[in-house]
Amino acid sequence: MKIKWISEKKEYWITDFVTTVTWSGADTQASRSLEFELVNTPFDKSTKIPVLKGGDIVIFYDDDDKARFEGRVTGKNKISEVGTRAYTVRDYMHNMIQSKASYKFKKKTPEYLTKAICKDIGLQVGSLAKTKKKLKKFIQQGETIYDIVNRAYKKAQTGNKYLLAMSGKKFTVVKRGGAIAGFYLDSDKDIMSFETTENADSMINQVALYNNKGKKVGVVKNASWIKLYGIYQDVYDTGKKKKKANKADKTKAKKQLQGVDKKSTVEALGDIRCVSGRAITIYDKATNTSAEFWIKSDTHTWESGVYTMTLELSFKKLLNSPTTPADTNYNPGTGKLGWPCNGTISKKFSKKHHGIDIKVKSGTKIHAAEAGKVTKVGKDTKLGKNIVITHSGGLKTKYACCSSISIKKGKKVKKGDVIAKAGSTGSEAEKVQCHFEVTKSGTWKDPSKYLK
C-alpha cells in the first residue's frame, strides 16, 4: 500500500507518515472513499508532517504498485496537539453525483451518451459496457449526471445489471456481479469471522390490489411464506376503474413481495479485488456454508502492516460441493519445516545472506512453516514488512519482503496457516519473493536443510 499526495502540481509520497488506511465502497454508494490518518507531531521540529488542503489530489496504490483510487480531499478533522490528523478523500464519481444537468438524446446508445456527458464535465472515460441498443427517445431534466447515465443503461433493457465505477481518473461501466476467477475465502486460511443473520421484520408475503374506487380487485401472495409467518400484507393501487386486476398489474404488485432478509458479514485477510458489485465464494466449516455471494459493501483496512477486509454480503447461490477445493497452489513438503510458499529459490543461504529468497508470483500467500507464536511483526529498510514466529526447541523462522501481513503479534499459529502475502518491500527484494530465515538458539541456519 502506497499513497501519493499532489498539491499545486507537486507530488509527495506520504506513505511513511500514514498510520491507518481505510478504502471502502458499497453497491448503494456510487462514490468510493479513502480515509487515512497521518501522525501529528507538532513539537518535533525535525519531522515535517505534511498538511493536506481541501481539493488536493490523493492517489492510492495497492501492494503491486497499481493505482486503485484517485480523488480529492473533501474532509479533514481539527488538528489536535498530539495524535493524528484524519482525512477523507472521495473519487471523481462524487462530481457526477453532486452535479445536475438536462439532456435530450434521440436514437443514441447509452455508451454514446455517456461519452458525451463525461466530455461536458471534463471526466475521462474508460471501459464502457456495450449495449448496442439505441434509445428511441431519452429526456432527462435537472437530474444528477450519475442518475442520467444509470437510467440510460437501465432503459436499454439488455437483461444485464451494470455497475458505474471509477478506475483511477476514468469513469467506467461494467456488468455487475462478475465472479473473481479462481478466488474463494476459506475458514481454514483466510476467514477470521463469518456471521449470517436472518430477519423477517420487513417481510411482505401478500399484496392486495385495489382500483381507484377502493375496491379490492386482486391479490398476489407467496403461500409458503404465509404458512411459516402468517400474513404480512401490503397494497397496490391499480389507479384504474376496473373489476379485476390484469396480468400487468399483478406483475407490478409481485415486485412488492419481500421475503426473509438474509445478510452475511465476513472479516478476512485482504484482497484488493473484493469490491462491491463483484461475487465471491465462501467456504466456512463452522457454519457449514458453501455458497456464492454478492458483495454489497466492502471496507479494506491497512493498520500496523496488517491488511484485512470486512465485506457485507447477500446470498447468490448454493454450491454443489460442501467441501472446499484443494489448495493446488501450496504444498508444505515433507521436511522438518514446511515451505512458506512454493516457488523457485532465487538466492541461497550464505554468510552474508542469512536466509533464502523464494521467487513467486504477486499475491502468493505465505504460510507458517511450523506451529508457534508470532513474536514480531515489523518493517525495516532492508527486509521490508516481516514476521518472526517462535517455535519449540529454540527454533525461530522469519518471513520478509511481504506485501501485506495478515497476523498480529502475540497470535498462535498452526503449521500451514496463512500469515502474509509475498511482495517486494525492502531493499533486499529485487522481485516479488519471500525471504525466509531460520535460527536455532540464536544462530542462523540454512533454511534449505529444513525443507524437502
Foldseek 3Di string as FASTA:
>chain_A
DWKWWADPNDIDTQRVQWFKWKWKDFQVGQKIKIKTKGFDAPPPPVDDHDDDDFQIKMWDAALVRFTAAIFTWDDWDDDDNGGIIMTMTIGPVVVQQPDWDKDKDAFAALVVVLVVVCVVVVAAADEEDDLVATDHIQTDHGHRNVVSSLVRVVVSVSVFHWRWHDGYRHTYIDTFAAADPPDAAEPQAWFPDKDKDKAFPLFAFKEFEAEPVRDTADMDGDVVQCVVPNHDYHYHYPDHPDNHDDPVSVVVRVVSGDGIFMKMKTKTADDPVDAARYKHFYQYPVVLATFIWGFRMKMWMAHQQAIMMMTMTDGDGHDPDSDDDDPPQADQADFLWGFQGDACFPAFDDPVQLFTKGDDDFFTFGWGRAWFFWADFHADQAFGTKTWGADPQQKIKMKTQFSGFHDDHGDTDGGGHTTTTWHHHHPNRPGTIITMWMDHNRHTDGVVNRGD
